[in-house]
PDB file of N, CA and C in Angstrom:
ATOM      1  N   MET A   1     118.915  94.016 115.972  1.00  0.00           N
ATOM      2  CA  MET A   1     117.855  93.040 115.900  1.00  0.00           C
ATOM      3  C   MET A   1     117.015  93.250 114.631  1.00  0.00           C
ATOM      4  N   LEU A   2     116.678  94.512 114.315  1.00  0.00           N
ATOM      5  CA  LEU A   2     115.894  94.809 113.111  1.00  0.00           C
ATOM      6  C   LEU A   2     116.607  94.300 111.866  1.00  0.00           C
ATOM      7  N   SER A   3     117.901  94.570 111.771  1.00  0.00           N
ATOM      8  CA  SER A   3     118.637  94.130 110.579  1.00  0.00           C
ATOM      9  C   SER A   3     118.699  92.612 110.495  1.00  0.00           C
ATOM     10  N   ASN A   4     118.921  91.939 111.615  1.00  0.00           N
ATOM     11  CA  ASN A   4     118.979  90.476 111.603  1.00  0.00           C
ATOM     12  C   ASN A   4     117.662  89.873 111.141  1.00  0.00           C
ATOM     13  N   TYR A   5     116.553  90.366 111.704  1.00  0.00           N
ATOM     14  CA  TYR A   5     115.240  89.849 111.318  1.00  0.00           C
ATOM     15  C   TYR A   5     114.962  90.115 109.843  1.00  0.00           C
ATOM     16  N   THR A   6     115.286  91.321 109.388  1.00  0.00           N
ATOM     17  CA  THR A   6     115.028  91.687 107.996  1.00  0.00           C
ATOM     18  C   THR A   6     115.833  90.813 107.049  1.00  0.00           C
ATOM     19  N   LEU A   7     117.120  90.707 107.300  1.00  0.00           N
ATOM     20  CA  LEU A   7     117.987  89.963 106.394  1.00  0.00           C
ATOM     21  C   LEU A   7     117.696  88.465 106.415  1.00  0.00           C
ATOM     22  N   LYS A   8     117.084  87.970 107.493  1.00  0.00           N
ATOM     23  CA  LYS A   8     116.688  86.561 107.560  1.00  0.00           C
ATOM     24  C   LYS A   8     115.278  86.341 107.012  1.00  0.00           C
ATOM     25  N   GLY A   9     114.596  87.449 106.658  1.00  0.00           N
ATOM     26  CA  GLY A   9     113.238  87.331 106.122  1.00  0.00           C
ATOM     27  C   GLY A   9     112.190  87.027 107.168  1.00  0.00           C
ATOM     28  N   LEU A  10     112.452  87.398 108.402  1.00  0.00           N
ATOM     29  CA  LEU A  10     111.503  87.164 109.489  1.00  0.00           C
ATOM     30  C   LEU A  10     110.557  88.371 109.581  1.00  0.00           C
ATOM     31  N   TRP A  11     109.663  88.480 108.597  1.00  0.00           N
ATOM     32  CA  TRP A  11     108.835  89.678 108.433  1.00  0.00           C
ATOM     33  C   TRP A  11     107.846  89.917 109.554  1.00  0.00           C
ATOM     34  N   PRO A  12     107.237  88.898 110.167  1.00  0.00           N
ATOM     35  CA  PRO A  12     106.352  89.198 111.308  1.00  0.00           C
ATOM     36  C   PRO A  12     107.106  89.908 112.442  1.00  0.00           C
ATOM     37  N   GLU A  13     108.331  89.496 112.682  1.00  0.00           N
ATOM     38  CA  GLU A  13     109.146  90.133 113.716  1.00  0.00           C
ATOM     39  C   GLU A  13     109.513  91.570 113.329  1.00  0.00           C
ATOM     40  N   VAL A  14     109.826  91.778 112.044  1.00  0.00           N
ATOM     41  CA  VAL A  14     110.135  93.125 111.554  1.00  0.00           C
ATOM     42  C   VAL A  14     108.923  94.026 111.753  1.00  0.00           C
ATOM     43  N   MET A  15     107.744  93.529 111.394  1.00  0.00           N
ATOM     44  CA  MET A  15     106.523  94.327 111.536  1.00  0.00           C
ATOM     45  C   MET A  15     106.245  94.650 113.005  1.00  0.00           C
ATOM     46  N   ASP A  16     106.515  93.709 113.899  1.00  0.00           N
ATOM     47  CA  ASP A  16     106.331  93.975 115.335  1.00  0.00           C
ATOM     48  C   ASP A  16     107.264  95.083 115.801  1.00  0.00           C
ATOM     49  N   ILE A  17     108.516  95.040 115.364  1.00  0.00           N
ATOM     50  CA  ILE A  17     109.483  96.088 115.737  1.00  0.00           C
ATOM     51  C   ILE A  17     109.021  97.429 115.187  1.00  0.00           C
ATOM     52  N   TYR A  18     108.577  97.449 113.946  1.00  0.00           N
ATOM     53  CA  TYR A  18     108.099  98.699 113.338  1.00  0.00           C
ATOM     54  C   TYR A  18     106.910  99.266 114.105  1.00  0.00           C
ATOM     55  N   LYS A  19     105.993  98.398 114.533  1.00  0.00           N
ATOM     56  CA  LYS A  19     104.822  98.867 115.285  1.00  0.00           C
ATOM     57  C   LYS A  19     105.223  99.437 116.634  1.00  0.00           C
ATOM     58  N   GLN A  20     106.171  98.796 117.297  1.00  0.00           N
ATOM     59  CA  GLN A  20     106.604  99.229 118.625  1.00  0.00           C
ATOM     60  C   GLN A  20     107.555 100.419 118.577  1.00  0.00           C
ATOM     61  N   HIS A  21     108.287 100.566 117.470  1.00  0.00           N
ATOM     62  CA  HIS A  21     109.305 101.619 117.367  1.00  0.00           C
ATOM     63  C   HIS A  21     109.224 102.307 115.998  1.00  0.00           C
ATOM     64  N   PRO A  22     108.226 103.168 115.796  1.00  0.00           N
ATOM     65  CA  PRO A  22     108.079 103.838 114.499  1.00  0.00           C
ATOM     66  C   PRO A  22     109.310 104.645 114.092  1.00  0.00           C
ATOM     67  N   GLU A  23     110.099 105.050 115.053  1.00  0.00           N
ATOM     68  CA  GLU A  23     111.308 105.821 114.744  1.00  0.00           C
ATOM     69  C   GLU A  23     112.333 105.003 113.969  1.00  0.00           C
ATOM     70  N   LEU A  24     112.166 103.692 113.914  1.00  0.00           N
ATOM     71  CA  LEU A  24     113.095 102.827 113.194  1.00  0.00           C
ATOM     72  C   LEU A  24     112.711 102.612 111.731  1.00  0.00           C
ATOM     73  N   HIS A  25     111.614 103.201 111.286  1.00  0.00           N
ATOM     74  CA  HIS A  25     111.174 103.002 109.900  1.00  0.00           C
ATOM     75  C   HIS A  25     112.236 103.395 108.889  1.00  0.00           C
ATOM     76  N   ASP A  26     113.036 104.403 109.217  1.00  0.00           N
ATOM     77  CA  ASP A  26     114.075 104.793 108.269  1.00  0.00           C
ATOM     78  C   ASP A  26     115.483 104.454 108.754  1.00  0.00           C
ATOM     79  N   ALA A  27     115.570 103.462 109.628  1.00  0.00           N
ATOM     80  CA  ALA A  27     116.878 102.999 110.104  1.00  0.00           C
ATOM     81  C   ALA A  27     117.620 102.291 108.975  1.00  0.00           C
ATOM     82  N   LYS A  28     118.871 102.655 108.772  1.00  0.00           N
ATOM     83  CA  LYS A  28     119.710 102.037 107.742  1.00  0.00           C
ATOM     84  C   LYS A  28     120.281 100.735 108.298  1.00  0.00           C
ATOM     85  N   ILE A  29     120.006  99.624 107.601  1.00  0.00           N
ATOM     86  CA  ILE A  29     120.377  98.321 108.169  1.00  0.00           C
ATOM     87  C   ILE A  29     121.365  97.527 107.319  1.00  0.00           C
ATOM     88  N   THR A  30     121.745  98.065 106.167  1.00  0.00           N
ATOM     89  CA  THR A  30     122.716  97.357 105.333  1.00  0.00           C
ATOM     90  C   THR A  30     123.911  98.263 105.055  1.00  0.00           C
ATOM     91  N   ARG A  31     124.956  97.667 104.507  1.00  0.00           N
ATOM     92  CA  ARG A  31     126.143  98.462 104.166  1.00  0.00           C
ATOM     93  C   ARG A  31     125.842  99.526 103.122  1.00  0.00           C
ATOM     94  N   THR A  32     124.828  99.287 102.294  1.00  0.00           N
ATOM     95  CA  THR A  32     124.461 100.259 101.270  1.00  0.00           C
ATOM     96  C   THR A  32     123.364 101.214 101.745  1.00  0.00           C
ATOM     97  N   GLN A  33     123.139 101.231 103.049  1.00  0.00           N
ATOM     98  CA  GLN A  33     122.198 102.152 103.691  1.00  0.00           C
ATOM     99  C   GLN A  33     120.734 101.875 103.365  1.00  0.00           C
ATOM    100  N   ASP A  34     120.388 100.618 103.120  1.00  0.00           N
ATOM    101  CA  ASP A  34     119.002 100.247 102.872  1.00  0.00           C
ATOM    102  C   ASP A  34     118.227 100.164 104.178  1.00  0.00           C
ATOM    103  N   THR A  35     116.925 100.455 104.091  1.00  0.00           N
ATOM    104  CA  THR A  35     116.018 100.244 105.209  1.00  0.00           C
ATOM    105  C   THR A  35     115.366  98.873 105.033  1.00  0.00           C
ATOM    106  N   ALA A  36     114.583  98.446 106.010  1.00  0.00           N
ATOM    107  CA  ALA A  36     113.854  97.183 105.882  1.00  0.00           C
ATOM    108  C   ALA A  36     112.895  97.244 104.697  1.00  0.00           C
ATOM    109  N   LEU A  37     112.330  98.419 104.437  1.00  0.00           N
ATOM    110  CA  LEU A  37     111.442  98.572 103.283  1.00  0.00           C
ATOM    111  C   LEU A  37     112.190  98.315 101.983  1.00  0.00           C
ATOM    112  N   HIS A  38     113.413  98.854 101.863  1.00  0.00           N
ATOM    113  CA  HIS A  38     114.218  98.589 100.672  1.00  0.00           C
ATOM    114  C   HIS A  38     114.421  97.083 100.484  1.00  0.00           C
ATOM    115  N   VAL A  39     114.753  96.410 101.570  1.00  0.00           N
ATOM    116  CA  VAL A  39     115.012  94.970 101.501  1.00  0.00           C
ATOM    117  C   VAL A  39     113.739  94.228 101.108  1.00  0.00           C
ATOM    118  N   ALA A  40     112.606  94.617 101.682  1.00  0.00           N
ATOM    119  CA  ALA A  40     111.337  93.957 101.350  1.00  0.00           C
ATOM    120  C   ALA A  40     110.999  94.141  99.879  1.00  0.00           C
ATOM    121  N   VAL A  41     111.154  95.355  99.359  1.00  0.00           N
ATOM    122  CA  VAL A  41     110.854  95.613  97.951  1.00  0.00           C
ATOM    123  C   VAL A  41     111.792  94.832  97.056  1.00  0.00           C
ATOM    124  N   SER A  42     113.082  94.895  97.349  1.00  0.00           N
ATOM    125  CA  SER A  42     114.052  94.234  96.467  1.00  0.00           C
ATOM    126  C   SER A  42     113.978  92.714  96.539  1.00  0.00           C
ATOM    127  N   SER A  43     113.404  92.170  97.604  1.00  0.00           N
ATOM    128  CA  SER A  43     113.271  90.716  97.686  1.00  0.00           C
ATOM    129  C   SER A  43     111.873  90.242  97.293  1.00  0.00           C
ATOM    130  N   GLY A  44     111.075  91.165  96.739  1.00  0.00           N
ATOM    131  CA  GLY A  44     109.770  90.780  96.210  1.00  0.00           C
ATOM    132  C   GLY A  44     108.716  90.499  97.248  1.00  0.00           C
ATOM    133  N   LYS A  45     108.871  91.020  98.433  1.00  0.00           N
ATOM    134  CA  LYS A  45     107.893  90.788  99.503  1.00  0.00           C
ATOM    135  C   LYS A  45     106.759  91.806  99.408  1.00  0.00           C
ATOM    136  N   GLU A  46     105.998  91.670  98.328  1.00  0.00           N
ATOM    137  CA  GLU A  46     104.946  92.627  98.004  1.00  0.00           C
ATOM    138  C   GLU A  46     103.943  92.800  99.142  1.00  0.00           C
ATOM    139  N   ASP A  47     103.590  91.715  99.813  1.00  0.00           N
ATOM    140  CA  ASP A  47     102.609  91.813 100.889  1.00  0.00           C
ATOM    141  C   ASP A  47     103.128  92.617 102.079  1.00  0.00           C
ATOM    142  N   LYS A  48     104.429  92.787 102.190  1.00  0.00           N
ATOM    143  CA  LYS A  48     105.008  93.528 103.307  1.00  0.00           C
ATOM    144  C   LYS A  48     105.121  95.017 103.033  1.00  0.00           C
ATOM    145  N   VAL A  49     104.933  95.417 101.777  1.00  0.00           N
ATOM    146  CA  VAL A  49     105.104  96.833 101.444  1.00  0.00           C
ATOM    147  C   VAL A  49     103.787  97.471 101.010  1.00  0.00           C
ATOM    148  N   LYS A  50     102.664  96.847 101.369  1.00  0.00           N
ATOM    149  CA  LYS A  50     101.363  97.409 101.041  1.00  0.00           C
ATOM    150  C   LYS A  50     100.669  97.887 102.308  1.00  0.00           C
ATOM    151  N   ASN A  51      99.855  98.932 102.154  1.00  0.00           N
ATOM    152  CA  ASN A  51      99.061  99.396 103.288  1.00  0.00           C
ATOM    153  C   ASN A  51      97.666  98.771 103.228  1.00  0.00           C
ATOM    154  N   GLU A  52      96.737  99.268 104.042  1.00  0.00           N
ATOM    155  CA  GLU A  52      95.407  98.657 104.113  1.00  0.00           C
ATOM    156  C   GLU A  52      94.624  98.797 102.803  1.00  0.00           C
ATOM    157  N   ARG A  53      94.957  99.773 101.963  1.00  0.00           N
ATOM    158  CA  ARG A  53      94.320  99.915 100.646  1.00  0.00           C
ATOM    159  C   ARG A  53      95.068  99.102  99.596  1.00  0.00           C
ATOM    160  N   GLU A  54      96.112  98.408 100.020  1.00  0.00           N
ATOM    161  CA  GLU A  54      97.000  97.625  99.170  1.00  0.00           C
ATOM    162  C   GLU A  54      97.814  98.507  98.223  1.00  0.00           C
ATOM    163  N   ASN A  55      98.036  99.750  98.636  1.00  0.00           N
ATOM    164  CA  ASN A  55      98.935 100.630  97.901  1.00  0.00           C
ATOM    165  C   ASN A  55     100.367 100.276  98.265  1.00  0.00           C
ATOM    166  N   THR A  56     101.218 100.235  97.252  1.00  0.00           N
ATOM    167  CA  THR A  56     102.651 100.041  97.464  1.00  0.00           C
ATOM    168  C   THR A  56     103.309 101.409  97.610  1.00  0.00           C
ATOM    169  N   PRO A  57     104.573 101.467  97.978  1.00  0.00           N
ATOM    170  CA  PRO A  57     105.269 102.757  97.998  1.00  0.00           C
ATOM    171  C   PRO A  57     105.233 103.452  96.631  1.00  0.00           C
ATOM    172  N   LEU A  58     105.194 102.672  95.553  1.00  0.00           N
ATOM    173  CA  LEU A  58     105.116 103.274  94.221  1.00  0.00           C
ATOM    174  C   LEU A  58     103.765 103.958  94.012  1.00  0.00           C
ATOM    175  N   HIS A  59     102.687 103.374  94.521  1.00  0.00           N
ATOM    176  CA  HIS A  59     101.380 104.034  94.450  1.00  0.00           C
ATOM    177  C   HIS A  59     101.449 105.406  95.136  1.00  0.00           C
ATOM    178  N   LEU A  60     102.032 105.434  96.321  1.00  0.00           N
ATOM    179  CA  LEU A  60     102.106 106.679  97.073  1.00  0.00           C
ATOM    180  C   LEU A  60     102.963 107.714  96.347  1.00  0.00           C
ATOM    181  N   ALA A  61     104.118 107.307  95.883  1.00  0.00           N
ATOM    182  CA  ALA A  61     104.999 108.239  95.168  1.00  0.00           C
ATOM    183  C   ALA A  61     104.303 108.785  93.923  1.00  0.00           C
ATOM    184  N   ALA A  62     103.591 107.922  93.198  1.00  0.00           N
ATOM    185  CA  ALA A  62     102.881 108.362  91.992  1.00  0.00           C
ATOM    186  C   ALA A  62     101.747 109.317  92.349  1.00  0.00           C
ATOM    187  N   ALA A  63     100.992 108.990  93.390  1.00  0.00           N
ATOM    188  CA  ALA A  63      99.883 109.851  93.804  1.00  0.00           C
ATOM    189  C   ALA A  63     100.373 111.234  94.219  1.00  0.00           C
ATOM    190  N   LEU A  64     101.566 111.294  94.769  1.00  0.00           N
ATOM    191  CA  LEU A  64     102.140 112.576  95.183  1.00  0.00           C
ATOM    192  C   LEU A  64     102.817 113.309  94.030  1.00  0.00           C
ATOM    193  N   GLY A  65     102.908 112.644  92.895  1.00  0.00           N
ATOM    194  CA  GLY A  65     103.553 113.257  91.741  1.00  0.00           C
ATOM    195  C   GLY A  65     105.066 113.309  91.836  1.00  0.00           C
ATOM    196  N   ASN A  66     105.638 112.450  92.650  1.00  0.00           N
ATOM    197  CA  ASN A  66     107.084 112.439  92.854  1.00  0.00           C
ATOM    198  C   ASN A  66     107.736 111.506  91.821  1.00  0.00           C
ATOM    199  N   VAL A  67     107.974 112.052  90.647  1.00  0.00           N
ATOM    200  CA  VAL A  67     108.508 111.270  89.533  1.00  0.00           C
ATOM    201  C   VAL A  67     109.873 110.679  89.880  1.00  0.00           C
ATOM    202  N   ARG A  68     110.713 111.460  90.527  1.00  0.00           N
ATOM    203  CA  ARG A  68     112.054 110.965  90.883  1.00  0.00           C
ATOM    204  C   ARG A  68     111.961 109.735  91.782  1.00  0.00           C
ATOM    205  N   MET A  69     111.074 109.786  92.781  1.00  0.00           N
ATOM    206  CA  MET A  69     110.912 108.651  93.686  1.00  0.00           C
ATOM    207  C   MET A  69     110.322 107.458  92.938  1.00  0.00           C
ATOM    208  N   CYS A  70     109.403 107.701  92.019  1.00  0.00           N
ATOM    209  CA  CYS A  70     108.833 106.615  91.214  1.00  0.00           C
ATOM    210  C   CYS A  70     109.934 105.884  90.449  1.00  0.00           C
ATOM    211  N   LYS A  71     110.845 106.645  89.857  1.00  0.00           N
ATOM    212  CA  LYS A  71     111.940 106.037  89.105  1.00  0.00           C
ATOM    213  C   LYS A  71     112.843 105.219  90.015  1.00  0.00           C
ATOM    214  N   ILE A  72     113.113 105.731  91.203  1.00  0.00           N
ATOM    215  CA  ILE A  72     113.971 105.006  92.150  1.00  0.00           C
ATOM    216  C   ILE A  72     113.321 103.680  92.545  1.00  0.00           C
ATOM    217  N   ILE A  73     112.039 103.739  92.893  1.00  0.00           N
ATOM    218  CA  ILE A  73     111.329 102.531  93.316  1.00  0.00           C
ATOM    219  C   ILE A  73     111.238 101.536  92.154  1.00  0.00           C
ATOM    220  N   ALA A  74     110.884 102.020  90.966  1.00  0.00           N
ATOM    221  CA  ALA A  74     110.750 101.132  89.806  1.00  0.00           C
ATOM    222  C   ALA A  74     112.084 100.516  89.403  1.00  0.00           C
ATOM    223  N   ASP A  75     113.188 101.235  89.633  1.00  0.00           N
ATOM    224  CA  ASP A  75     114.501 100.671  89.339  1.00  0.00           C
ATOM    225  C   ASP A  75     114.826  99.500  90.260  1.00  0.00           C
ATOM    226  N   VAL A  76     114.327  99.563  91.489  1.00  0.00           N
ATOM    227  CA  VAL A  76     114.567  98.478  92.451  1.00  0.00           C
ATOM    228  C   VAL A  76     113.670  97.285  92.133  1.00  0.00           C
ATOM    229  N   ASP A  77     112.386  97.547  91.842  1.00  0.00           N
ATOM    230  CA  ASP A  77     111.456  96.453  91.551  1.00  0.00           C
ATOM    231  C   ASP A  77     110.425  96.930  90.539  1.00  0.00           C
ATOM    232  N   ASN A  78     110.708  96.735  89.263  1.00  0.00           N
ATOM    233  CA  ASN A  78     109.770  97.210  88.246  1.00  0.00           C
ATOM    234  C   ASN A  78     108.481  96.401  88.216  1.00  0.00           C
ATOM    235  N   GLY A  79     108.427  95.306  88.944  1.00  0.00           N
ATOM    236  CA  GLY A  79     107.190  94.536  89.058  1.00  0.00           C
ATOM    237  C   GLY A  79     106.096  95.297  89.790  1.00  0.00           C
ATOM    238  N   LEU A  80     106.481  96.325  90.555  1.00  0.00           N
ATOM    239  CA  LEU A  80     105.488  97.120  91.281  1.00  0.00           C
ATOM    240  C   LEU A  80     104.673  98.013  90.353  1.00  0.00           C
ATOM    241  N   ILE A  81     105.157  98.216  89.134  1.00  0.00           N
ATOM    242  CA  ILE A  81     104.485  99.113  88.193  1.00  0.00           C
ATOM    243  C   ILE A  81     103.058  98.645  87.896  1.00  0.00           C
ATOM    244  N   GLY A  82     102.858  97.356  87.759  1.00  0.00           N
ATOM    245  CA  GLY A  82     101.535  96.829  87.418  1.00  0.00           C
ATOM    246  C   GLY A  82     100.698  96.377  88.592  1.00  0.00           C
ATOM    247  N   VAL A  83     101.185  96.547  89.812  1.00  0.00           N
ATOM    248  CA  VAL A  83     100.433  96.096  90.990  1.00  0.00           C
ATOM    249  C   VAL A  83      99.193  96.968  91.167  1.00  0.00           C
ATOM    250  N   ARG A  84      98.072  96.316  91.395  1.00  0.00           N
ATOM    251  CA  ARG A  84      96.804  97.034  91.588  1.00  0.00           C
ATOM    252  C   ARG A  84      96.407  97.012  93.061  1.00  0.00           C
ATOM    253  N   ASN A  85      95.816  98.110  93.505  1.00  0.00           N
ATOM    254  CA  ASN A  85      95.354  98.198  94.894  1.00  0.00           C
ATOM    255  C   ASN A  85      93.922  97.663  94.998  1.00  0.00           C
ATOM    256  N   LYS A  86      93.278  97.832  96.153  1.00  0.00           N
ATOM    257  CA  LYS A  86      91.921  97.315  96.353  1.00  0.00           C
ATOM    258  C   LYS A  86      90.914  97.916  95.381  1.00  0.00           C
ATOM    259  N   GLU A  87      91.191  99.122  94.907  1.00  0.00           N
ATOM    260  CA  GLU A  87      90.302  99.784  93.954  1.00  0.00           C
ATOM    261  C   GLU A  87      90.681  99.451  92.508  1.00  0.00           C
ATOM    262  N   ASN A  88      91.592  98.492  92.348  1.00  0.00           N
ATOM    263  CA  ASN A  88      92.061  98.046  91.033  1.00  0.00           C
ATOM    264  C   ASN A  88      92.855  99.127  90.305  1.00  0.00           C
ATOM    265  N   GLU A  89      93.493 100.027  91.060  1.00  0.00           N
ATOM    266  CA  GLU A  89      94.263 101.121  90.482  1.00  0.00           C
ATOM    267  C   GLU A  89      95.751 100.772  90.474  1.00  0.00           C
ATOM    268  N   THR A  90      96.411 101.058  89.366  1.00  0.00           N
ATOM    269  CA  THR A  90      97.862 100.916  89.287  1.00  0.00           C
ATOM    270  C   THR A  90      98.498 102.218  89.781  1.00  0.00           C
ATOM    271  N   PRO A  91      99.792 102.209  90.078  1.00  0.00           N
ATOM    272  CA  PRO A  91     100.457 103.455  90.452  1.00  0.00           C
ATOM    273  C   PRO A  91     100.313 104.535  89.381  1.00  0.00           C
ATOM    274  N   PHE A  92     100.390 104.153  88.105  1.00  0.00           N
ATOM    275  CA  PHE A  92     100.279 105.143  87.046  1.00  0.00           C
ATOM    276  C   PHE A  92      98.893 105.762  86.982  1.00  0.00           C
ATOM    277  N   PHE A  93      97.873 104.980  87.303  1.00  0.00           N
ATOM    278  CA  PHE A  93      96.524 105.537  87.347  1.00  0.00           C
ATOM    279  C   PHE A  93      96.455 106.625  88.416  1.00  0.00           C
ATOM    280  N   LEU A  94      96.997 106.321  89.594  1.00  0.00           N
ATOM    281  CA  LEU A  94      96.987 107.305  90.685  1.00  0.00           C
ATOM    282  C   LEU A  94      97.794 108.536  90.342  1.00  0.00           C
ATOM    283  N   GLY A  95      98.854 108.347  89.604  1.00  0.00           N
ATOM    284  CA  GLY A  95      99.710 109.476  89.247  1.00  0.00           C
ATOM    285  C   GLY A  95      99.231 110.240  88.036  1.00  0.00           C
ATOM    286  N   GLY A  96      98.240 109.721  87.326  1.00  0.00           N
ATOM    287  CA  GLY A  96      97.778 110.341  86.098  1.00  0.00           C
ATOM    288  C   GLY A  96      97.425 111.811  86.223  1.00  0.00           C
ATOM    289  N   ALA A  97      96.768 112.168  87.290  1.00  0.00           N
ATOM    290  CA  ALA A  97      96.365 113.572  87.474  1.00  0.00           C
ATOM    291  C   ALA A  97      97.577 114.459  87.742  1.00  0.00           C
ATOM    292  N   GLN A  98      98.639 113.878  88.303  1.00  0.00           N
ATOM    293  CA  GLN A  98      99.832 114.656  88.642  1.00  0.00           C
ATOM    294  C   GLN A  98     100.720 114.897  87.434  1.00  0.00           C
ATOM    295  N   TRP A  99     100.722 113.935  86.479  1.00  0.00           N
ATOM    296  CA  TRP A  99     101.661 114.018  85.369  1.00  0.00           C
ATOM    297  C   TRP A  99     100.953 114.544  84.198  1.00  0.00           C
TER     298      TRP A  99
END
């Protein structure tokens, strides 16, 4: 059900499943082992990959200083590089202290 909803772009349903079953956050739903988050990022669903501070996964990876993860995320959607959160911070700003 998670894969069907994700691949059809039924994001409210995906979010409901994620809320009810947190253990499915890293469930592989495609032949290439993508999660729903991978699909959301690669299909440009920016509003689906932000938290309450409007941080994207790239913001988090940068804040943690995880350069390898930053490269992986940016390779999938380099448009996330310039996304600003509620504090008007880009991922690189958050990662500045780490790098």
